[in-house]
PDB file of N, CA and C in Angstrom:
ATOM      1  N   UNK A   1     -21.378  -4.600  60.669  1.00  0.00           N
ATOM      2  CA  UNK A   1     -20.708  -4.323  61.600  1.00  0.00           C
ATOM      3  C   UNK A   1     -22.536  -4.141  62.177  1.00  0.00           C
ATOM      4  N   UNK A   2     -22.576  -4.936  63.188  1.00  0.00           N
ATOM      5  CA  UNK A   2     -23.935  -4.523  64.229  1.00  0.00           C
ATOM      6  C   UNK A   2     -23.625  -3.326  65.207  1.00  0.00           C
ATOM      7  N   UNK A   3     -24.529  -2.492  65.709  1.00  0.00           N
ATOM      8  CA  UNK A   3     -24.210  -2.107  67.103  1.00  0.00           C
ATOM      9  C   UNK A   3     -25.762  -2.612  68.022  1.00  0.00           C
ATOM     10  N   UNK A   4     -25.347  -2.521  69.321  1.00  0.00           N
ATOM     11  CA  UNK A   4     -26.446  -2.860  70.068  1.00  0.00           C
ATOM     12  C   UNK A   4     -26.902  -1.603  70.412  1.00  0.00           C
ATOM     13  N   UNK A   5     -27.978  -1.058  70.733  1.00  0.00           N
ATOM     14  CA  UNK A   5     -28.706   0.037  71.633  1.00  0.00           C
ATOM     15  C   UNK A   5     -28.455  -0.341  72.714  1.00  0.00           C
ATOM     16  N   UNK A   6     -28.126  -1.392  73.566  1.00  0.00           N
ATOM     17  CA  UNK A   6     -28.206  -1.159  74.940  1.00  0.00           C
ATOM     18  C   UNK A   6     -26.867  -1.697  75.361  1.00  0.00           C
ATOM     19  N   UNK A   7     -26.260  -1.443  76.539  1.00  0.00           N
ATOM     20  CA  UNK A   7     -25.631  -2.243  76.838  1.00  0.00           C
ATOM     21  C   UNK A   7     -25.567  -3.164  78.268  1.00  0.00           C
ATOM     22  N   UNK A   8     -25.491  -3.912  78.347  1.00  0.00           N
ATOM     23  CA  UNK A   8     -25.649  -4.725  79.951  1.00  0.00           C
ATOM     24  C   UNK A   8     -24.786  -4.867  81.086  1.00  0.00           C
ATOM     25  N   UNK A   9     -23.727  -3.577  80.688  1.00  0.00           N
ATOM     26  CA  UNK A   9     -22.961  -3.439  82.092  1.00  0.00           C
ATOM     27  C   UNK A   9     -22.016  -2.518  81.552  1.00  0.00           C
ATOM     28  N   UNK A  10     -21.484  -1.820  82.576  1.00  0.00           N
ATOM     29  CA  UNK A  10     -20.673  -0.728  83.111  1.00  0.00           C
ATOM     30  C   UNK A  10     -19.158  -1.071  82.674  1.00  0.00           C
ATOM     31  N   UNK A  11     -18.591  -0.775  81.363  1.00  0.00           N
ATOM     32  CA  UNK A  11     -16.914  -1.330  81.948  1.00  0.00           C
ATOM     33  C   UNK A  11     -16.700  -0.854  82.914  1.00  0.00           C
ATOM     34  N   UNK A  12     -16.477   0.371  83.184  1.00  0.00           N
ATOM     35  CA  UNK A  12     -15.981   1.028  84.451  1.00  0.00           C
ATOM     36  C   UNK A  12     -15.888   0.500  85.815  1.00  0.00           C
ATOM     37  N   UNK A  13     -16.876  -0.477  85.942  1.00  0.00           N
ATOM     38  CA  UNK A  13     -16.879  -1.304  86.966  1.00  0.00           C
ATOM     39  C   UNK A  13     -16.235  -1.903  87.365  1.00  0.00           C
ATOM     40  N   UNK A  14     -15.145  -2.398  86.585  1.00  0.00           N
ATOM     41  CA  UNK A  14     -13.828  -2.889  86.676  1.00  0.00           C
ATOM     42  C   UNK A  14     -12.706  -2.074  86.714  1.00  0.00           C
ATOM     43  N   UNK A  15     -13.051  -0.924  86.758  1.00  0.00           N
ATOM     44  CA  UNK A  15     -11.344  -0.236  87.093  1.00  0.00           C
ATOM     45  C   UNK A  15     -11.894   0.150  88.747  1.00  0.00           C
ATOM     46  N   UNK A  16     -10.721  -0.153  89.703  1.00  0.00           N
ATOM     47  CA  UNK A  16     -10.895  -0.709  91.172  1.00  0.00           C
ATOM     48  C   UNK A  16     -10.446   1.259  91.361  1.00  0.00           C
ATOM     49  N   UNK A  17     -10.812   1.617  92.250  1.00  0.00           N
ATOM     50  CA  UNK A  17     -10.801   2.743  93.101  1.00  0.00           C
ATOM     51  C   UNK A  17      -8.998   3.571  92.992  1.00  0.00           C
ATOM     52  N   UNK A  18      -8.336   2.439  93.387  1.00  0.00           N
ATOM     53  CA  UNK A  18      -6.583   2.720  93.891  1.00  0.00           C
ATOM     54  C   UNK A  18      -6.104   2.616  92.266  1.00  0.00           C
ATOM     55  N   UNK A  19      -6.973   2.595  91.082  1.00  0.00           N
ATOM     56  CA  UNK A  19      -6.193   3.020  89.326  1.00  0.00           C
ATOM     57  C   UNK A  19      -6.692   4.469  89.160  1.00  0.00           C
ATOM     58  N   UNK A  20      -7.733   4.809  89.960  1.00  0.00           N
ATOM     59  CA  UNK A  20      -8.263   5.972  89.204  1.00  0.00           C
ATOM     60  C   UNK A  20      -7.629   7.583  90.549  1.00  0.00           C
ATOM     61  N   UNK A  21      -7.136   7.309  91.478  1.00  0.00           N
ATOM     62  CA  UNK A  21      -6.452   8.349  92.158  1.00  0.00           C
ATOM     63  C   UNK A  21      -6.001   7.603  93.377  1.00  0.00           C
ATOM     64  N   UNK A  22      -4.971   8.312  93.925  1.00  0.00           N
ATOM     65  CA  UNK A  22      -4.372   8.397  95.252  1.00  0.00           C
ATOM     66  C   UNK A  22      -4.326   9.163  95.991  1.00  0.00           C
ATOM     67  N   UNK A  23      -4.194   9.238  97.363  1.00  0.00           N
ATOM     68  CA  UNK A  23      -4.166  10.187  98.558  1.00  0.00           C
ATOM     69  C   UNK A  23      -2.780  10.170  98.914  1.00  0.00           C
ATOM     70  N   UNK A  24      -2.100  10.827  98.979  1.00  0.00           N
ATOM     71  CA  UNK A  24      -0.550  11.486  99.995  1.00  0.00           C
ATOM     72  C   UNK A  24      -0.925  12.431 100.821  1.00  0.00           C
ATOM     73  N   UNK A  25      -1.132  11.972 101.754  1.00  0.00           N
ATOM     74  CA  UNK A  25      -1.163  13.208 102.961  1.00  0.00           C
ATOM     75  C   UNK A  25      -0.413  13.818 102.744  1.00  0.00           C
ATOM     76  N   UNK A  26      -0.351  15.428 103.366  1.00  0.00           N
ATOM     77  CA  UNK A  26       0.664  16.399 103.296  1.00  0.00           C
ATOM     78  C   UNK A  26       0.899  17.004 104.440  1.00  0.00           C
ATOM     79  N   UNK A  27       2.084  17.220 104.950  1.00  0.00           N
ATOM     80  CA  UNK A  27       2.163  17.534 106.490  1.00  0.00           C
ATOM     81  C   UNK A  27       2.852  19.555 106.108  1.00  0.00           C
ATOM     82  N   UNK A  28       2.790  20.018 104.636  1.00  0.00           N
ATOM     83  CA  UNK A  28       3.586  20.605 104.748  1.00  0.00           C
ATOM     84  C   UNK A  28       2.885  22.043 104.868  1.00  0.00           C
ATOM     85  N   UNK A  29       2.992  22.883 105.580  1.00  0.00           N
ATOM     86  CA  UNK A  29       2.173  24.318 106.209  1.00  0.00           C
ATOM     87  C   UNK A  29       3.225  25.703 105.921  1.00  0.00           C
ATOM     88  N   UNK A  30       1.872  26.558 105.465  1.00  0.00           N
ATOM     89  CA  UNK A  30       3.195  27.701 105.139  1.00  0.00           C
ATOM     90  C   UNK A  30       3.639  28.351 106.536  1.00  0.00           C
ATOM     91  N   UNK A  31       4.783  28.661 106.604  1.00  0.00           N
ATOM     92  CA  UNK A  31       5.646  29.529 107.860  1.00  0.00           C
ATOM     93  C   UNK A  31       5.453  30.890 107.819  1.00  0.00           C
ATOM     94  N   UNK A  32       5.128  31.392 108.734  1.00  0.00           N
ATOM     95  CA  UNK A  32       4.662  32.835 109.352  1.00  0.00           C
ATOM     96  C   UNK A  32       5.156  33.814 107.875  1.00  0.00           C
ATOM     97  N   UNK A  33       6.589  33.509 107.667  1.00  0.00           N
ATOM     98  CA  UNK A  33       7.653  34.446 107.077  1.00  0.00           C
ATOM     99  C   UNK A  33       6.782  33.966 105.558  1.00  0.00           C
ATOM    100  N   UNK A  34       6.406  33.318 105.236  1.00  0.00           N
ATOM    101  CA  UNK A  34       5.869  32.811 104.011  1.00  0.00           C
ATOM    102  C   UNK A  34       4.804  33.368 103.615  1.00  0.00           C
ATOM    103  N   UNK A  35       3.790  33.148 104.751  1.00  0.00           N
ATOM    104  CA  UNK A  35       2.409  33.733 104.896  1.00  0.00           C
ATOM    105  C   UNK A  35       2.415  35.133 104.537  1.00  0.00           C
ATOM    106  N   UNK A  36       3.046  35.811 105.556  1.00  0.00           N
ATOM    107  CA  UNK A  36       3.483  37.451 105.164  1.00  0.00           C
ATOM    108  C   UNK A  36       3.817  37.766 103.892  1.00  0.00           C
ATOM    109  N   UNK A  37       4.565  36.926 103.379  1.00  0.00           N
ATOM    110  CA  UNK A  37       5.570  37.176 101.716  1.00  0.00           C
ATOM    111  C   UNK A  37       4.211  36.952 100.693  1.00  0.00           C
ATOM    112  N   UNK A  38       3.331  36.490 101.361  1.00  0.00           N
ATOM    113  CA  UNK A  38       2.291  35.734 100.254  1.00  0.00           C
ATOM    114  C   UNK A  38       1.285  36.907 100.332  1.00  0.00           C
ATOM    115  N   UNK A  39       1.045  37.569 101.729  1.00  0.00           N
ATOM    116  CA  UNK A  39      -0.096  38.353 102.028  1.00  0.00           C
ATOM    117  C   UNK A  39       0.233  39.862 101.234  1.00  0.00           C
ATOM    118  N   UNK A  40       1.469  40.118 101.197  1.00  0.00           N
ATOM    119  CA  UNK A  40       2.263  41.172 100.325  1.00  0.00           C
ATOM    120  C   UNK A  40       2.182  41.180  99.052  1.00  0.00           C
ATOM    121  N   UNK A  41       2.735  40.346  98.762  1.00  0.00           N
ATOM    122  CA  UNK A  41       2.462  40.144  97.180  1.00  0.00           C
ATOM    123  C   UNK A  41       0.603  40.139  96.260  1.00  0.00           C
ATOM    124  N   UNK A  42       0.115  39.664  97.767  1.00  0.00           N
ATOM    125  CA  UNK A  42      -1.222  39.005  96.927  1.00  0.00           C
ATOM    126  C   UNK A  42      -2.154  40.644  96.244  1.00  0.00           C
ATOM    127  N   UNK A  43      -1.149  41.901  97.241  1.00  0.00           N
ATOM    128  CA  UNK A  43      -1.746  43.031  96.795  1.00  0.00           C
ATOM    129  C   UNK A  43      -1.580  43.647  95.515  1.00  0.00           C
ATOM    130  N   UNK A  44      -0.481  42.667  94.792  1.00  0.00           N
ATOM    131  CA  UNK A  44       0.112  43.180  93.407  1.00  0.00           C
ATOM    132  C   UNK A  44      -0.653  42.224  92.513  1.00  0.00           C
ATOM    133  N   UNK A  45      -1.437  41.439  92.805  1.00  0.00           N
ATOM    134  CA  UNK A  45      -1.916  40.281  91.724  1.00  0.00           C
ATOM    135  C   UNK A  45      -3.032  41.190  91.025  1.00  0.00           C
ATOM    136  N   UNK A  46      -3.280  40.854  89.892  1.00  0.00           N
ATOM    137  CA  UNK A  46      -4.390  41.792  89.001  1.00  0.00           C
ATOM    138  C   UNK A  46      -5.454  40.816  89.175  1.00  0.00           C
ATOM    139  N   UNK A  47      -6.378  40.475  89.967  1.00  0.00           N
ATOM    140  CA  UNK A  47      -7.997  40.149  90.270  1.00  0.00           C
ATOM    141  C   UNK A  47      -8.736  40.726  90.943  1.00  0.00           C
ATOM    142  N   UNK A  48     -10.015  40.232  91.113  1.00  0.00           N
ATOM    143  CA  UNK A  48     -10.906  41.092  91.572  1.00  0.00           C
ATOM    144  C   UNK A  48     -10.533  41.150  92.978  1.00  0.00           C
ATOM    145  N   UNK A  49     -11.175  42.513  93.385  1.00  0.00           N
ATOM    146  CA  UNK A  49     -10.987  42.709  94.979  1.00  0.00           C
ATOM    147  C   UNK A  49     -11.320  41.322  96.274  1.00  0.00           C
ATOM    148  N   UNK A  50     -12.875  41.104  95.447  1.00  0.00           N
ATOM    149  CA  UNK A  50     -13.146  39.993  96.338  1.00  0.00           C
ATOM    150  C   UNK A  50     -12.361  38.568  96.345  1.00  0.00           C
ATOM    151  N   UNK A  51     -11.877  38.373  95.406  1.00  0.00           N
ATOM    152  CA  UNK A  51     -10.973  37.206  95.326  1.00  0.00           C
ATOM    153  C   UNK A  51      -9.794  37.605  96.063  1.00  0.00           C
ATOM    154  N   UNK A  52      -9.127  38.905  96.033  1.00  0.00           N
ATOM    155  CA  UNK A  52      -8.095  39.169  96.780  1.00  0.00           C
ATOM    156  C   UNK A  52      -8.471  38.779  98.091  1.00  0.00           C
ATOM    157  N   UNK A  53      -9.503  39.442  98.529  1.00  0.00           N
ATOM    158  CA  UNK A  53     -10.572  39.323  99.980  1.00  0.00           C
ATOM    159  C   UNK A  53     -10.711  37.717 100.884  1.00  0.00           C
ATOM    160  N   UNK A  54     -10.849  37.096  99.505  1.00  0.00           N
ATOM    161  CA  UNK A  54     -11.024  36.008 100.225  1.00  0.00           C
ATOM    162  C   UNK A  54      -9.408  35.124 100.696  1.00  0.00           C
ATOM    163  N   UNK A  55      -8.768  35.074  99.268  1.00  0.00           N
ATOM    164  CA  UNK A  55      -7.405  34.845  99.598  1.00  0.00           C
ATOM    165  C   UNK A  55      -6.616  35.035 101.433  1.00  0.00           C
ATOM    166  N   UNK A  56      -6.870  36.465 101.356  1.00  0.00           N
ATOM    167  CA  UNK A  56      -6.441  37.406 102.446  1.00  0.00           C
ATOM    168  C   UNK A  56      -7.263  36.260 103.743  1.00  0.00           C
ATOM    169  N   UNK A  57      -8.719  36.104 103.294  1.00  0.00           N
ATOM    170  CA  UNK A  57      -9.210  35.759 104.633  1.00  0.00           C
ATOM    171  C   UNK A  57      -8.901  33.833 104.891  1.00  0.00           C
ATOM    172  N   UNK A  58      -8.059  32.918 103.715  1.00  0.00           N
ATOM    173  CA  UNK A  58      -8.200  31.818 103.813  1.00  0.00           C
ATOM    174  C   UNK A  58      -6.697  31.919 104.427  1.00  0.00           C
ATOM    175  N   UNK A  59      -5.857  32.764 103.801  1.00  0.00           N
ATOM    176  CA  UNK A  59      -4.280  33.020 104.851  1.00  0.00           C
ATOM    177  C   UNK A  59      -4.561  33.236 106.241  1.00  0.00           C
ATOM    178  N   UNK A  60      -5.210  34.062 106.549  1.00  0.00           N
ATOM    179  CA  UNK A  60      -5.044  34.610 108.000  1.00  0.00           C
ATOM    180  C   UNK A  60      -6.073  33.842 108.769  1.00  0.00           C
ATOM    181  N   UNK A  61      -7.038  32.556 108.553  1.00  0.00           N
ATOM    182  CA  UNK A  61      -7.614  31.926 109.468  1.00  0.00           C
ATOM    183  C   UNK A  61      -7.049  30.449 108.966  1.00  0.00           C
ATOM    184  N   UNK A  62      -6.145  29.889 108.279  1.00  0.00           N
ATOM    185  CA  UNK A  62      -5.743  28.767 107.711  1.00  0.00           C
ATOM    186  C   UNK A  62      -6.907  27.267 107.789  1.00  0.00           C
ATOM    187  N   UNK A  63      -7.966  27.816 107.354  1.00  0.00           N
ATOM    188  CA  UNK A  63      -8.808  26.663 107.447  1.00  0.00           C
ATOM    189  C   UNK A  63      -9.247  26.072 106.058  1.00  0.00           C
ATOM    190  N   UNK A  64      -9.543  24.997 105.986  1.00  0.00           N
ATOM    191  CA  UNK A  64      -9.661  24.242 105.043  1.00  0.00           C
ATOM    192  C   UNK A  64     -11.023  25.296 103.907  1.00  0.00           C
ATOM    193  N   UNK A  65     -10.861  25.257 102.956  1.00  0.00           N
ATOM    194  CA  UNK A  65     -11.766  25.779 101.811  1.00  0.00           C
ATOM    195  C   UNK A  65     -13.128  25.471 101.892  1.00  0.00           C
ATOM    196  N   UNK A  66     -13.360  24.408 102.461  1.00  0.00           N
ATOM    197  CA  UNK A  66     -14.774  23.989 102.353  1.00  0.00           C
ATOM    198  C   UNK A  66     -15.398  24.444 103.773  1.00  0.00           C
ATOM    199  N   UNK A  67     -14.387  24.439 104.736  1.00  0.00           N
ATOM    200  CA  UNK A  67     -14.570  25.330 106.224  1.00  0.00           C
ATOM    201  C   UNK A  67     -14.983  26.386 106.070  1.00  0.00           C
ATOM    202  N   UNK A  68     -14.486  26.932 105.178  1.00  0.00           N
ATOM    203  CA  UNK A  68     -14.745  29.177 105.119  1.00  0.00           C
ATOM    204  C   UNK A  68     -16.079  28.817 104.133  1.00  0.00           C
ATOM    205  N   UNK A  69     -16.001  27.864 103.010  1.00  0.00           N
ATOM    206  CA  UNK A  69     -17.005  27.789 102.328  1.00  0.00           C
ATOM    207  C   UNK A  69     -18.824  27.335 103.041  1.00  0.00           C
ATOM    208  N   UNK A  70     -18.319  26.691 104.128  1.00  0.00           N
ATOM    209  CA  UNK A  70     -19.796  26.327 104.315  1.00  0.00           C
ATOM    210  C   UNK A  70     -20.181  26.929 105.803  1.00  0.00           C
ATOM    211  N   UNK A  71     -19.158  28.006 106.228  1.00  0.00           N
ATOM    212  CA  UNK A  71     -19.491  28.611 107.484  1.00  0.00           C
ATOM    213  C   UNK A  71     -20.698  29.442 107.323  1.00  0.00           C
ATOM    214  N   UNK A  72     -21.199  29.371 108.151  1.00  0.00           N
ATOM    215  CA  UNK A  72     -22.603  30.197 108.314  1.00  0.00           C
ATOM    216  C   UNK A  72     -22.609  31.041 109.567  1.00  0.00           C
ATOM    217  N   UNK A  73     -23.573  32.234 109.284  1.00  0.00           N
ATOM    218  CA  UNK A  73     -23.528  33.738 110.218  1.00  0.00           C
ATOM    219  C   UNK A  73     -23.178  33.256 111.737  1.00  0.00           C
ATOM    220  N   UNK A  74     -24.117  32.221 112.046  1.00  0.00           N
ATOM    221  CA  UNK A  74     -23.719  31.586 113.725  1.00  0.00           C
ATOM    222  C   UNK A  74     -22.864  31.585 114.013  1.00  0.00           C
ATOM    223  N   UNK A  75     -21.657  31.032 112.880  1.00  0.00           N
ATOM    224  CA  UNK A  75     -20.621  30.320 113.625  1.00  0.00           C
ATOM    225  C   UNK A  75     -19.211  31.777 113.798  1.00  0.00           C
ATOM    226  N   UNK A  76     -19.963  32.674 113.210  1.00  0.00           N
ATOM    227  CA  UNK A  76     -18.593  33.752 113.494  1.00  0.00           C
ATOM    228  C   UNK A  76     -18.841  35.152 114.423  1.00  0.00           C
ATOM    229  N   UNK A  77     -18.195  35.036 115.469  1.00  0.00           N
ATOM    230  CA  UNK A  77     -18.516  36.326 116.473  1.00  0.00           C
ATOM    231  C   UNK A  77     -17.820  37.450 116.122  1.00  0.00           C
ATOM    232  N   UNK A  78     -17.999  38.172 115.187  1.00  0.00           N
ATOM    233  CA  UNK A  78     -17.565  39.513 115.077  1.00  0.00           C
ATOM    234  C   UNK A  78     -16.927  40.259 116.121  1.00  0.00           C
ATOM    235  N   UNK A  79     -17.270  40.423 117.081  1.00  0.00           N
ATOM    236  CA  UNK A  79     -17.088  41.110 118.247  1.00  0.00           C
ATOM    237  C   UNK A  79     -15.791  40.912 118.789  1.00  0.00           C
ATOM    238  N   UNK A  80     -15.530  39.340 119.034  1.00  0.00           N
ATOM    239  CA  UNK A  80     -14.458  38.482 119.304  1.00  0.00           C
ATOM    240  C   UNK A  80     -13.383  38.292 118.433  1.00  0.00           C
ATOM    241  N   UNK A  81     -13.848  38.078 117.243  1.00  0.00           N
ATOM    242  CA  UNK A  81     -13.043  38.201 115.989  1.00  0.00           C
ATOM    243  C   UNK A  81     -12.905  36.308 116.211  1.00  0.00           C
ATOM    244  N   UNK A  82     -13.824  35.365 116.309  1.00  0.00           N
ATOM    245  CA  UNK A  82     -13.726  34.306 116.349  1.00  0.00           C
ATOM    246  C   UNK A  82     -14.355  33.657 115.095  1.00  0.00           C
ATOM    247  N   UNK A  83     -13.620  32.728 114.375  1.00  0.00           N
ATOM    248  CA  UNK A  83     -14.696  31.720 113.644  1.00  0.00           C
ATOM    249  C   UNK A  83     -14.490  30.357 114.404  1.00  0.00           C
ATOM    250  N   UNK A  84     -16.139  29.814 114.712  1.00  0.00           N
ATOM    251  CA  UNK A  84     -16.294  28.648 115.075  1.00  0.00           C
ATOM    252  C   UNK A  84     -16.385  27.476 114.239  1.00  0.00           C
ATOM    253  N   UNK A  85     -15.153  26.668 114.012  1.00  0.00           N
ATOM    254  CA  UNK A  85     -15.469  25.333 112.867  1.00  0.00           C
ATOM    255  C   UNK A  85     -16.116  24.170 113.539  1.00  0.00           C
ATOM    256  N   UNK A  86     -17.038  23.433 113.139  1.00  0.00           N
ATOM    257  CA  UNK A  86     -18.215  22.802 113.658  1.00  0.00           C
ATOM    258  C   UNK A  86     -17.258  21.764 113.805  1.00  0.00           C
TER     259      UNK A  86
END
């Protein structure tokens, strides 16, 4: 049995994007009651305080994870409690 040390083509090139993953839009959002329940229960989760604080911030702002992670100080108005999402 001979083995070639070089491959002339990538076999993954034959796999189309639709075969790898599909995206189904979701329109489900937490209700105000559900948010209150999660916020209350979050205090009882055994985790680091910074993770708990981050989760609380997500729930209170309802932004996408990337919007919060990529936010810069200039987008936060601390005096008026406003986060501007560009």
